[in-house]
Every structure is written in structure tokens, then in C-alpha cells.
């Protein structure tokens, strides 16, 4: 049960984060240029359009990230629902599988 709760809390945290991030966007967000692009000598018009494209796709990516988190939560809920009470109890006693932990990216050095 502890494991199920941990997965649910992680999914809800991701969902809340994505929701807060989406609510904070008003459409006036300037966006950013890709790293190093300032050195290309872009015109102000080019820079503005590139920032707008980035902001548009960031919103789409954030929405998809939220959908993925929701689907993972739904999947785990349905999986656990198929277990017997004894299996659910045994599940809580299992150590958390490293594959189920949130991914961390190694530092590039």
C-alpha cells in the first residue's frame, strides 16, 4: 500500500506542477531563444517569432506531460485494483523498484 501511495503522490505532484505551470501562462510570455542563438545575429522579428514558437510548443509539451502523468496514475490504479487484499498487502512490503522512481538525468561533464 505504501508503494501505491508513493506512486499516487508522485503522479499527483506532477499533475499539480503541470497545472500550476499552465495557469501561469497568459499568452504574453516572451519565451526564450535556443542556447547560442543570440550569436546568430537574428533580427528582432526573427527572435520574436522564434520565442513565440518555443512558447507554443512548451505549452503543448507541458499538456502532454500532464496527460502522461494522468495515464500512469490511471494505469497503476487499474493494476492494483486487480490484486487481492493479500497481494496488495504484499505489494506494500516490496522495496520500490528503481525503474518506478522518477528519472534523474546524469550530469554531463
N, C-alpha and C. Protein backbone atom coordinates (compact mmCIF):
# COMPACT_ATOMS: atom_id res chain seq x y z
N UNK A 1 0.82 -1.19 0.00
CA UNK A 1 0.00 0.00 0.00
C UNK A 1 0.87 1.27 0.00
N UNK A 2 1.98 1.18 0.72
CA UNK A 2 2.89 2.32 0.78
C UNK A 2 3.40 2.66 -0.61
N UNK A 3 3.67 1.64 -1.37
CA UNK A 3 4.18 1.82 -2.73
C UNK A 3 3.13 2.48 -3.62
N UNK A 4 1.89 2.03 -3.47
CA UNK A 4 0.79 2.59 -4.26
C UNK A 4 0.61 4.06 -3.91
N UNK A 5 0.67 4.35 -2.63
CA UNK A 5 0.52 5.74 -2.18
C UNK A 5 1.66 6.59 -2.72
N UNK A 6 2.89 6.05 -2.69
CA UNK A 6 4.03 6.80 -3.19
C UNK A 6 3.89 7.11 -4.67
N UNK A 7 3.42 6.14 -5.43
CA UNK A 7 3.21 6.35 -6.87
C UNK A 7 2.11 7.38 -7.09
N UNK A 8 1.04 7.27 -6.32
CA UNK A 8 -0.08 8.21 -6.47
C UNK A 8 0.35 9.63 -6.10
N UNK A 9 1.12 9.77 -5.03
CA UNK A 9 1.60 11.09 -4.62
C UNK A 9 2.51 11.68 -5.69
N UNK A 10 3.39 10.88 -6.25
CA UNK A 10 4.28 11.37 -7.30
C UNK A 10 3.48 11.83 -8.52
N UNK A 11 2.48 11.05 -8.90
CA UNK A 11 1.66 11.41 -10.06
C UNK A 11 0.87 12.69 -9.80
N UNK A 12 0.32 12.79 -8.60
CA UNK A 12 -0.44 14.00 -8.26
C UNK A 12 0.47 15.22 -8.22
N UNK A 13 1.69 15.05 -7.73
CA UNK A 13 2.64 16.16 -7.70
C UNK A 13 2.95 16.65 -9.11
N UNK A 14 3.18 15.70 -10.02
CA UNK A 14 3.44 16.07 -11.41
C UNK A 14 2.24 16.79 -12.02
N UNK A 15 1.06 16.28 -11.72
CA UNK A 15 -0.16 16.89 -12.24
C UNK A 15 -0.32 18.31 -11.71
N UNK A 16 -0.10 18.48 -10.41
CA UNK A 16 -0.23 19.81 -9.81
C UNK A 16 0.79 20.76 -10.40
N UNK A 17 2.02 20.30 -10.55
CA UNK A 17 3.07 21.14 -11.12
C UNK A 17 2.71 21.57 -12.54
N UNK A 18 2.24 20.63 -13.34
CA UNK A 18 1.87 20.94 -14.73
C UNK A 18 0.70 21.92 -14.77
N UNK A 19 -0.26 21.74 -13.86
CA UNK A 19 -1.42 22.64 -13.81
C UNK A 19 -1.00 24.04 -13.42
N UNK A 20 -0.16 24.15 -12.40
CA UNK A 20 0.31 25.46 -11.97
C UNK A 20 1.11 26.15 -13.07
N UNK A 21 1.93 25.38 -13.76
CA UNK A 21 2.72 25.95 -14.84
C UNK A 21 1.81 26.44 -15.96
N UNK A 22 0.78 25.68 -16.28
CA UNK A 22 -0.14 26.07 -17.35
C UNK A 22 -0.96 27.30 -16.94
N UNK A 23 -1.37 27.37 -15.67
CA UNK A 23 -2.16 28.51 -15.21
C UNK A 23 -1.34 29.80 -15.23
N UNK A 24 -0.04 29.68 -15.04
CA UNK A 24 0.81 30.86 -15.01
C UNK A 24 1.07 31.45 -16.38
N UNK A 25 0.68 30.78 -17.43
CA UNK A 25 0.94 31.28 -18.77
C UNK A 25 -0.25 32.09 -19.26
N UNK A 26 0.03 33.32 -19.65
CA UNK A 26 -1.04 34.21 -20.06
C UNK A 26 -1.02 34.46 -21.55
N UNK A 27 -0.11 33.87 -22.26
CA UNK A 27 -0.02 34.10 -23.69
C UNK A 27 0.90 35.27 -24.01
N UNK A 28 1.27 36.04 -22.99
CA UNK A 28 2.18 37.15 -23.20
C UNK A 28 3.61 36.76 -22.87
N UNK A 29 3.81 35.52 -22.52
CA UNK A 29 5.14 35.05 -22.17
C UNK A 29 6.04 35.20 -23.39
N UNK A 30 7.19 35.75 -23.13
CA UNK A 30 8.12 36.06 -24.20
C UNK A 30 8.78 34.81 -24.76
N UNK A 31 9.04 33.82 -23.92
CA UNK A 31 9.75 32.65 -24.39
C UNK A 31 11.24 32.90 -24.39
N UNK A 32 11.99 31.92 -24.80
CA UNK A 32 13.44 32.06 -24.83
C UNK A 32 13.97 31.59 -26.18
N UNK A 33 15.14 32.06 -26.48
CA UNK A 33 15.82 31.59 -27.68
C UNK A 33 16.59 30.33 -27.33
N UNK A 34 16.74 29.41 -28.26
CA UNK A 34 17.57 28.25 -28.00
C UNK A 34 19.00 28.70 -27.66
N UNK A 35 19.67 27.88 -26.87
CA UNK A 35 21.01 28.22 -26.42
C UNK A 35 21.94 28.51 -27.60
N UNK A 36 22.62 29.63 -27.52
CA UNK A 36 23.59 30.01 -28.54
C UNK A 36 23.03 30.78 -29.72
N UNK A 37 21.71 30.89 -29.82
CA UNK A 37 21.10 31.53 -30.98
C UNK A 37 21.27 33.05 -30.98
N UNK A 38 21.59 33.64 -29.86
CA UNK A 38 21.81 35.09 -29.83
C UNK A 38 23.02 35.46 -30.69
N UNK A 39 23.93 34.52 -30.82
CA UNK A 39 25.15 34.76 -31.59
C UNK A 39 24.91 34.73 -33.09
N UNK A 40 23.71 34.35 -33.53
CA UNK A 40 23.42 34.24 -34.96
C UNK A 40 23.07 35.57 -35.61
N UNK A 41 22.95 36.61 -34.81
CA UNK A 41 22.61 37.91 -35.37
C UNK A 41 21.18 37.98 -35.89
N UNK A 42 20.26 37.39 -35.13
CA UNK A 42 18.85 37.39 -35.54
C UNK A 42 18.27 38.79 -35.50
N UNK A 43 17.36 39.06 -36.42
CA UNK A 43 16.64 40.33 -36.36
C UNK A 43 15.64 40.23 -35.21
N UNK A 44 15.13 41.37 -34.77
CA UNK A 44 14.15 41.37 -33.67
C UNK A 44 12.91 40.58 -34.08
N UNK A 45 12.51 40.68 -35.35
CA UNK A 45 11.35 39.94 -35.84
C UNK A 45 11.59 38.43 -35.77
N UNK A 46 12.79 38.01 -36.20
CA UNK A 46 13.12 36.58 -36.13
C UNK A 46 13.11 36.09 -34.69
N UNK A 47 13.76 36.85 -33.81
CA UNK A 47 13.85 36.46 -32.40
C UNK A 47 12.46 36.36 -31.78
N UNK A 48 11.60 37.32 -32.09
CA UNK A 48 10.23 37.30 -31.55
C UNK A 48 9.46 36.08 -32.03
N UNK A 49 9.57 35.78 -33.32
CA UNK A 49 8.85 34.62 -33.86
C UNK A 49 9.40 33.30 -33.30
N UNK A 50 10.72 33.23 -33.16
CA UNK A 50 11.33 32.01 -32.60
C UNK A 50 10.89 31.82 -31.16
N UNK A 51 10.86 32.90 -30.37
CA UNK A 51 10.39 32.81 -28.98
C UNK A 51 8.92 32.38 -28.93
N UNK A 52 8.11 32.90 -29.82
CA UNK A 52 6.69 32.54 -29.84
C UNK A 52 6.50 31.06 -30.17
N UNK A 53 7.28 30.58 -31.12
CA UNK A 53 7.20 29.15 -31.47
C UNK A 53 7.58 28.30 -30.25
N UNK A 54 8.66 28.68 -29.58
CA UNK A 54 9.10 27.94 -28.39
C UNK A 54 8.04 27.94 -27.30
N UNK A 55 7.41 29.09 -27.08
CA UNK A 55 6.38 29.18 -26.04
C UNK A 55 5.17 28.32 -26.40
N UNK A 56 4.79 28.31 -27.67
CA UNK A 56 3.66 27.49 -28.12
C UNK A 56 3.93 26.01 -27.89
N UNK A 57 5.10 25.57 -28.29
CA UNK A 57 5.43 24.15 -28.14
C UNK A 57 5.67 23.77 -26.68
N UNK A 58 6.17 24.71 -25.87
CA UNK A 58 6.34 24.42 -24.45
C UNK A 58 4.99 24.13 -23.82
N UNK A 59 3.98 24.91 -24.18
CA UNK A 59 2.63 24.69 -23.66
C UNK A 59 2.12 23.32 -24.08
N UNK A 60 2.32 22.96 -25.34
CA UNK A 60 1.87 21.65 -25.83
C UNK A 60 2.60 20.53 -25.11
N UNK A 61 3.90 20.68 -24.92
CA UNK A 61 4.69 19.65 -24.24
C UNK A 61 4.26 19.52 -22.78
N UNK A 62 4.00 20.65 -22.12
CA UNK A 62 3.52 20.61 -20.73
C UNK A 62 2.19 19.89 -20.63
N UNK A 63 1.29 20.15 -21.59
CA UNK A 63 -0.01 19.47 -21.59
C UNK A 63 0.16 17.96 -21.77
N UNK A 64 1.05 17.56 -22.67
CA UNK A 64 1.29 16.14 -22.88
C UNK A 64 1.94 15.48 -21.66
N UNK A 65 2.83 16.20 -21.00
CA UNK A 65 3.46 15.69 -19.78
C UNK A 65 2.41 15.43 -18.72
N UNK A 66 1.44 16.33 -18.59
CA UNK A 66 0.36 16.14 -17.64
C UNK A 66 -0.49 14.93 -18.02
N UNK A 67 -0.77 14.78 -19.30
CA UNK A 67 -1.55 13.63 -19.76
C UNK A 67 -0.83 12.33 -19.47
N UNK A 68 0.48 12.30 -19.66
CA UNK A 68 1.26 11.10 -19.37
C UNK A 68 1.18 10.77 -17.88
N UNK A 69 1.34 11.77 -17.03
CA UNK A 69 1.25 11.53 -15.58
C UNK A 69 -0.12 10.99 -15.20
N UNK A 70 -1.17 11.56 -15.78
CA UNK A 70 -2.53 11.09 -15.51
C UNK A 70 -2.72 9.65 -15.97
N UNK A 71 -2.20 9.32 -17.15
CA UNK A 71 -2.33 7.96 -17.67
C UNK A 71 -1.57 6.95 -16.80
N UNK A 72 -0.40 7.34 -16.32
CA UNK A 72 0.37 6.45 -15.45
C UNK A 72 -0.37 6.19 -14.15
N UNK A 73 -0.99 7.23 -13.60
CA UNK A 73 -1.77 7.06 -12.37
C UNK A 73 -2.97 6.15 -12.62
N UNK A 74 -3.66 6.38 -13.71
CA UNK A 74 -4.82 5.55 -14.07
C UNK A 74 -4.41 4.09 -14.27
N UNK A 75 -3.29 3.89 -14.96
CA UNK A 75 -2.80 2.54 -15.21
C UNK A 75 -2.50 1.82 -13.89
N UNK A 76 -1.77 2.49 -12.99
CA UNK A 76 -1.40 1.86 -11.73
C UNK A 76 -2.64 1.58 -10.88
N UNK A 77 -3.60 2.47 -10.89
CA UNK A 77 -4.83 2.26 -10.14
C UNK A 77 -5.57 1.02 -10.63
N UNK A 78 -5.65 0.86 -11.95
CA UNK A 78 -6.33 -0.31 -12.52
C UNK A 78 -5.55 -1.59 -12.25
N UNK A 79 -4.23 -1.51 -12.27
CA UNK A 79 -3.42 -2.68 -11.98
C UNK A 79 -3.62 -3.13 -10.53
N UNK A 80 -3.56 -2.19 -9.62
CA UNK A 80 -3.70 -2.51 -8.20
C UNK A 80 -5.11 -3.00 -7.90
N UNK A 81 -6.10 -2.51 -8.62
CA UNK A 81 -7.48 -2.93 -8.40
C UNK A 81 -7.66 -4.42 -8.68
N UNK A 82 -6.82 -5.00 -9.50
CA UNK A 82 -6.92 -6.42 -9.83
C UNK A 82 -6.32 -7.33 -8.76
N UNK A 83 -5.56 -6.76 -7.84
CA UNK A 83 -4.91 -7.56 -6.80
C UNK A 83 -5.88 -7.91 -5.69
N UNK A 84 -5.62 -9.05 -5.06
CA UNK A 84 -6.39 -9.42 -3.87
C UNK A 84 -5.88 -8.58 -2.70
N UNK A 85 -6.61 -8.61 -1.58
CA UNK A 85 -6.17 -7.86 -0.41
C UNK A 85 -4.80 -8.34 0.07
N UNK A 86 -4.59 -9.65 0.02
CA UNK A 86 -3.30 -10.20 0.44
C UNK A 86 -2.18 -9.73 -0.49
N UNK A 87 -2.45 -9.67 -1.79
CA UNK A 87 -1.45 -9.20 -2.75
C UNK A 87 -1.16 -7.72 -2.56
N UNK A 88 -2.19 -6.95 -2.26
CA UNK A 88 -1.98 -5.52 -2.00
C UNK A 88 -1.11 -5.32 -0.78
N UNK A 89 -1.34 -6.13 0.26
CA UNK A 89 -0.53 -6.05 1.47
C UNK A 89 0.91 -6.43 1.15
N UNK A 90 1.09 -7.50 0.37
CA UNK A 90 2.44 -7.93 -0.02
C UNK A 90 3.12 -6.87 -0.88
N UNK A 91 2.36 -6.19 -1.69
CA UNK A 91 2.91 -5.13 -2.55
C UNK A 91 3.52 -4.02 -1.71
N UNK A 92 2.87 -3.68 -0.62
CA UNK A 92 3.39 -2.60 0.22
C UNK A 92 4.69 -2.99 0.90
N UNK A 93 4.92 -4.29 1.07
CA UNK A 93 6.14 -4.76 1.72
C UNK A 93 7.32 -4.81 0.76
N UNK A 94 7.06 -4.75 -0.54
CA UNK A 94 8.14 -4.81 -1.53
C UNK A 94 8.93 -3.51 -1.53
N UNK A 95 10.25 -3.62 -1.77
CA UNK A 95 11.02 -2.38 -1.94
C UNK A 95 10.61 -1.73 -3.26
N UNK A 96 10.72 -0.43 -3.31
CA UNK A 96 10.34 0.29 -4.53
C UNK A 96 11.36 -0.04 -5.62
N UNK A 97 10.86 -0.43 -6.77
CA UNK A 97 11.68 -0.77 -7.92
C UNK A 97 12.32 0.50 -8.46
N UNK A 98 13.65 0.50 -8.67
CA UNK A 98 14.31 1.70 -9.21
C UNK A 98 13.70 2.16 -10.54
N UNK A 99 13.13 1.25 -11.30
CA UNK A 99 12.53 1.61 -12.58
C UNK A 99 11.28 2.45 -12.37
N UNK A 100 10.67 2.38 -11.19
CA UNK A 100 9.45 3.14 -10.92
C UNK A 100 9.74 4.51 -10.30
N UNK A 101 10.99 4.74 -9.91
CA UNK A 101 11.36 6.03 -9.34
C UNK A 101 11.45 7.06 -10.45
N UNK A 102 11.21 8.32 -10.12
CA UNK A 102 11.35 9.36 -11.15
C UNK A 102 12.77 9.35 -11.70
N UNK A 103 12.86 9.54 -13.00
CA UNK A 103 14.16 9.51 -13.65
C UNK A 103 14.97 10.75 -13.30
N UNK A 104 16.24 10.54 -13.10
CA UNK A 104 17.16 11.66 -12.92
C UNK A 104 18.19 11.58 -14.01
N UNK A 105 18.47 12.70 -14.60
CA UNK A 105 19.43 12.72 -15.69
C UNK A 105 20.82 12.91 -15.12
N UNK A 106 21.78 12.11 -15.57
CA UNK A 106 23.16 12.28 -15.08
C UNK A 106 23.72 13.60 -15.56
N UNK A 107 24.58 14.18 -14.73
CA UNK A 107 25.23 15.44 -15.10
C UNK A 107 26.19 15.19 -16.24
N UNK A 108 26.13 16.08 -17.23
CA UNK A 108 27.06 16.00 -18.35
C UNK A 108 28.27 16.84 -18.01
N UNK A 109 29.41 16.21 -17.99
CA UNK A 109 30.65 16.94 -17.66
C UNK A 109 31.71 16.66 -18.67
